[in-house]
Amino acid sequence: MAVPIYFLCMLTSGLCSYLLFSAYRKNHVALLMWSAWCFAGLTFTNFLVILDRVFFPDVDLLGLRLASQLIALSLLLFGLLWREN
């Protein structure tokens, strides 16, 4: 039962990233771009979860998963704090 949930989480974050990039192309609001990059990173993190739990259960990818999640959330934090004047 866990495999479909992992896949749906990856699909949902990928769809959010796509929708945010589409909105950024229309409106050119910087926060949309940073949010889209964050969700793209979270999609990659969810992909790593699938690799870690389903395809390579003997290999520990926890450090890589945490690093990619930190990078993704740091992109959103940077987008929230950085403003163009």
N, C-alpha and C. Protein backbone atom coordinates (compact mmCIF):
# COMPACT_ATOMS: atom_id res chain seq x y z
N MET A 1 0.81 -1.21 0.00
CA MET A 1 0.00 0.00 0.00
C MET A 1 0.85 1.27 0.00
N ALA A 2 2.09 1.16 0.48
CA ALA A 2 2.93 2.34 0.58
C ALA A 2 3.41 2.82 -0.79
N VAL A 3 3.61 1.90 -1.72
CA VAL A 3 4.16 2.29 -3.03
C VAL A 3 3.23 3.25 -3.78
N PRO A 4 1.92 3.00 -3.84
CA PRO A 4 1.06 3.99 -4.52
C PRO A 4 1.05 5.35 -3.82
N ILE A 5 1.18 5.36 -2.52
CA ILE A 5 1.20 6.63 -1.79
C ILE A 5 2.48 7.40 -2.11
N TYR A 6 3.61 6.71 -2.15
CA TYR A 6 4.87 7.37 -2.53
C TYR A 6 4.76 7.95 -3.93
N PHE A 7 4.19 7.17 -4.85
CA PHE A 7 4.05 7.64 -6.23
C PHE A 7 3.10 8.82 -6.33
N LEU A 8 1.98 8.77 -5.60
CA LEU A 8 1.03 9.89 -5.63
C LEU A 8 1.62 11.15 -5.02
N CYS A 9 2.44 11.02 -4.00
CA CYS A 9 3.12 12.19 -3.43
C CYS A 9 4.06 12.82 -4.44
N MET A 10 4.80 11.99 -5.15
CA MET A 10 5.70 12.51 -6.18
C MET A 10 4.91 13.16 -7.31
N LEU A 11 3.83 12.53 -7.73
CA LEU A 11 3.00 13.08 -8.80
C LEU A 11 2.37 14.41 -8.38
N THR A 12 1.91 14.50 -7.15
CA THR A 12 1.28 15.73 -6.66
C THR A 12 2.28 16.88 -6.60
N SER A 13 3.46 16.63 -6.07
CA SER A 13 4.44 17.71 -5.99
C SER A 13 4.94 18.10 -7.38
N GLY A 14 5.02 17.14 -8.31
CA GLY A 14 5.38 17.47 -9.68
C GLY A 14 4.32 18.31 -10.36
N LEU A 15 3.06 17.99 -10.11
CA LEU A 15 1.96 18.77 -10.67
C LEU A 15 1.94 20.19 -10.10
N CYS A 16 2.20 20.31 -8.80
CA CYS A 16 2.27 21.65 -8.19
C CYS A 16 3.40 22.46 -8.82
N SER A 17 4.54 21.81 -9.04
CA SER A 17 5.67 22.50 -9.67
C SER A 17 5.30 22.96 -11.08
N TYR A 18 4.67 22.10 -11.84
CA TYR A 18 4.25 22.47 -13.20
C TYR A 18 3.28 23.65 -13.18
N LEU A 19 2.30 23.61 -12.30
CA LEU A 19 1.32 24.69 -12.23
C LEU A 19 1.96 26.00 -11.78
N LEU A 20 2.90 25.93 -10.85
CA LEU A 20 3.58 27.15 -10.41
C LEU A 20 4.46 27.72 -11.52
N PHE A 21 5.15 26.87 -12.26
CA PHE A 21 5.95 27.37 -13.40
C PHE A 21 5.04 27.99 -14.46
N SER A 22 3.88 27.40 -14.70
CA SER A 22 2.94 27.97 -15.67
C SER A 22 2.44 29.33 -15.22
N ALA A 23 2.14 29.45 -13.94
CA ALA A 23 1.69 30.75 -13.42
C ALA A 23 2.81 31.77 -13.47
N TYR A 24 4.04 31.34 -13.26
CA TYR A 24 5.17 32.27 -13.34
C TYR A 24 5.35 32.79 -14.76
N ARG A 25 5.18 31.91 -15.75
CA ARG A 25 5.31 32.36 -17.15
C ARG A 25 4.27 33.41 -17.50
N LYS A 26 3.10 33.33 -16.90
CA LYS A 26 2.05 34.31 -17.20
C LYS A 26 2.25 35.62 -16.44
N ASN A 27 2.62 35.53 -15.16
CA ASN A 27 2.60 36.71 -14.29
C ASN A 27 3.97 37.28 -13.97
N HIS A 28 5.03 36.51 -14.10
CA HIS A 28 6.40 36.94 -13.80
C HIS A 28 6.54 37.47 -12.38
N VAL A 29 5.94 36.76 -11.44
CA VAL A 29 6.10 37.06 -10.02
C VAL A 29 7.20 36.14 -9.49
N ALA A 30 8.21 36.73 -8.89
CA ALA A 30 9.39 35.96 -8.49
C ALA A 30 9.05 34.86 -7.47
N LEU A 31 8.11 35.12 -6.58
CA LEU A 31 7.78 34.12 -5.56
C LEU A 31 7.20 32.85 -6.19
N LEU A 32 6.50 33.00 -7.30
CA LEU A 32 6.00 31.82 -8.01
C LEU A 32 7.15 30.98 -8.54
N MET A 33 8.18 31.63 -9.04
CA MET A 33 9.32 30.89 -9.55
C MET A 33 10.04 30.13 -8.44
N TRP A 34 10.28 30.80 -7.31
CA TRP A 34 10.97 30.14 -6.21
C TRP A 34 10.13 29.01 -5.62
N SER A 35 8.83 29.19 -5.58
CA SER A 35 7.95 28.13 -5.11
C SER A 35 7.96 26.94 -6.07
N ALA A 36 8.00 27.23 -7.35
CA ALA A 36 8.05 26.16 -8.35
C ALA A 36 9.34 25.37 -8.23
N TRP A 37 10.47 26.07 -8.02
CA TRP A 37 11.74 25.36 -7.84
C TRP A 37 11.73 24.53 -6.57
N CYS A 38 11.09 25.05 -5.52
CA CYS A 38 10.98 24.29 -4.29
C CYS A 38 10.20 22.99 -4.53
N PHE A 39 9.08 23.08 -5.20
CA PHE A 39 8.29 21.88 -5.47
C PHE A 39 8.99 20.94 -6.45
N ALA A 40 9.79 21.47 -7.34
CA ALA A 40 10.59 20.59 -8.20
C ALA A 40 11.60 19.82 -7.36
N GLY A 41 12.20 20.48 -6.40
CA GLY A 41 13.11 19.80 -5.50
C GLY A 41 12.40 18.77 -4.63
N LEU A 42 11.19 19.09 -4.19
CA LEU A 42 10.42 18.13 -3.40
C LEU A 42 9.99 16.94 -4.25
N THR A 43 9.75 17.16 -5.54
CA THR A 43 9.47 16.05 -6.44
C THR A 43 10.67 15.12 -6.52
N PHE A 44 11.85 15.70 -6.63
CA PHE A 44 13.07 14.89 -6.66
C PHE A 44 13.25 14.14 -5.34
N THR A 45 12.94 14.79 -4.22
CA THR A 45 13.03 14.13 -2.92
C THR A 45 12.07 12.94 -2.85
N ASN A 46 10.86 13.12 -3.36
CA ASN A 46 9.90 12.01 -3.37
C ASN A 46 10.36 10.89 -4.30
N PHE A 47 11.03 11.25 -5.38
CA PHE A 47 11.60 10.23 -6.26
C PHE A 47 12.67 9.43 -5.52
N LEU A 48 13.48 10.12 -4.72
CA LEU A 48 14.48 9.43 -3.93
C LEU A 48 13.86 8.52 -2.87
N VAL A 49 12.71 8.92 -2.34
CA VAL A 49 12.00 8.06 -1.39
C VAL A 49 11.57 6.77 -2.08
N ILE A 50 11.07 6.88 -3.29
CA ILE A 50 10.67 5.69 -4.04
C ILE A 50 11.88 4.80 -4.30
N LEU A 51 12.99 5.41 -4.71
CA LEU A 51 14.20 4.61 -4.93
C LEU A 51 14.66 3.93 -3.65
N ASP A 52 14.62 4.68 -2.56
CA ASP A 52 15.12 4.18 -1.28
C ASP A 52 14.25 3.06 -0.73
N ARG A 53 12.95 3.24 -0.76
CA ARG A 53 12.04 2.30 -0.11
C ARG A 53 11.64 1.13 -1.00
N VAL A 54 11.55 1.34 -2.31
CA VAL A 54 11.00 0.32 -3.20
C VAL A 54 12.09 -0.42 -3.96
N PHE A 55 12.94 0.32 -4.67
CA PHE A 55 13.88 -0.31 -5.58
C PHE A 55 15.19 -0.73 -4.91
N PHE A 56 15.65 0.06 -3.95
CA PHE A 56 16.92 -0.24 -3.27
C PHE A 56 16.71 -0.25 -1.76
N PRO A 57 15.99 -1.22 -1.22
CA PRO A 57 15.73 -1.20 0.23
C PRO A 57 16.98 -1.44 1.08
N ASP A 58 18.01 -2.03 0.50
CA ASP A 58 19.24 -2.30 1.26
C ASP A 58 20.18 -1.10 1.30
N VAL A 59 19.98 -0.13 0.42
CA VAL A 59 20.84 1.05 0.35
C VAL A 59 20.17 2.17 1.13
N ASP A 60 20.94 2.83 1.99
CA ASP A 60 20.39 3.92 2.79
C ASP A 60 20.61 5.25 2.06
N LEU A 61 19.54 5.83 1.58
CA LEU A 61 19.60 7.12 0.87
C LEU A 61 19.08 8.27 1.73
N LEU A 62 19.04 8.06 3.04
CA LEU A 62 18.48 9.07 3.93
C LEU A 62 19.25 10.39 3.84
N GLY A 63 20.58 10.33 3.83
CA GLY A 63 21.37 11.55 3.75
C GLY A 63 21.12 12.33 2.47
N LEU A 64 21.02 11.63 1.36
CA LEU A 64 20.74 12.29 0.08
C LEU A 64 19.33 12.87 0.06
N ARG A 65 18.38 12.12 0.63
CA ARG A 65 17.00 12.62 0.70
C ARG A 65 16.91 13.88 1.54
N LEU A 66 17.58 13.88 2.68
CA LEU A 66 17.54 15.06 3.55
C LEU A 66 18.25 16.25 2.92
N ALA A 67 19.35 15.99 2.22
CA ALA A 67 20.06 17.08 1.54
C ALA A 67 19.21 17.70 0.44
N SER A 68 18.54 16.87 -0.35
CA SER A 68 17.70 17.42 -1.42
C SER A 68 16.50 18.17 -0.85
N GLN A 69 15.97 17.69 0.26
CA GLN A 69 14.85 18.39 0.89
C GLN A 69 15.32 19.73 1.47
N LEU A 70 16.50 19.76 2.05
CA LEU A 70 17.05 21.01 2.59
C LEU A 70 17.27 22.02 1.48
N ILE A 71 17.80 21.58 0.36
CA ILE A 71 18.01 22.49 -0.78
C ILE A 71 16.68 23.02 -1.29
N ALA A 72 15.69 22.14 -1.42
CA ALA A 72 14.39 22.57 -1.94
C ALA A 72 13.75 23.61 -1.02
N LEU A 73 13.76 23.35 0.28
CA LEU A 73 13.15 24.30 1.21
C LEU A 73 13.97 25.57 1.34
N SER A 74 15.28 25.48 1.15
CA SER A 74 16.12 26.68 1.17
C SER A 74 15.80 27.58 -0.02
N LEU A 75 15.47 26.99 -1.15
CA LEU A 75 15.07 27.79 -2.31
C LEU A 75 13.79 28.58 -2.00
N LEU A 76 12.84 27.95 -1.35
CA LEU A 76 11.61 28.66 -0.99
C LEU A 76 11.90 29.75 0.04
N LEU A 77 12.72 29.45 1.02
CA LEU A 77 13.07 30.45 2.02
C LEU A 77 13.79 31.63 1.39
N PHE A 78 14.70 31.35 0.47
CA PHE A 78 15.40 32.43 -0.25
C PHE A 78 14.40 33.29 -1.02
N GLY A 79 13.43 32.63 -1.68
CA GLY A 79 12.42 33.37 -2.43
C GLY A 79 11.53 34.22 -1.55
N LEU A 80 11.29 33.75 -0.33
CA LEU A 80 10.47 34.54 0.59
C LEU A 80 11.22 35.74 1.15
N LEU A 81 12.53 35.60 1.34
CA LEU A 81 13.30 36.67 1.95
C LEU A 81 13.86 37.66 0.93
N TRP A 82 14.12 37.22 -0.28
CA TRP A 82 14.75 38.06 -1.29
C TRP A 82 13.69 38.86 -2.04
N ARG A 83 13.90 40.13 -2.17
CA ARG A 83 12.96 40.99 -2.90
C ARG A 83 13.72 41.85 -3.88
N GLU A 84 13.16 42.00 -5.06
CA GLU A 84 13.74 42.93 -6.03
C GLU A 84 13.21 44.33 -5.74
N ASN A 85 14.08 45.28 -5.79
CA ASN A 85 13.66 46.68 -5.55
C ASN A 85 13.66 47.45 -6.83
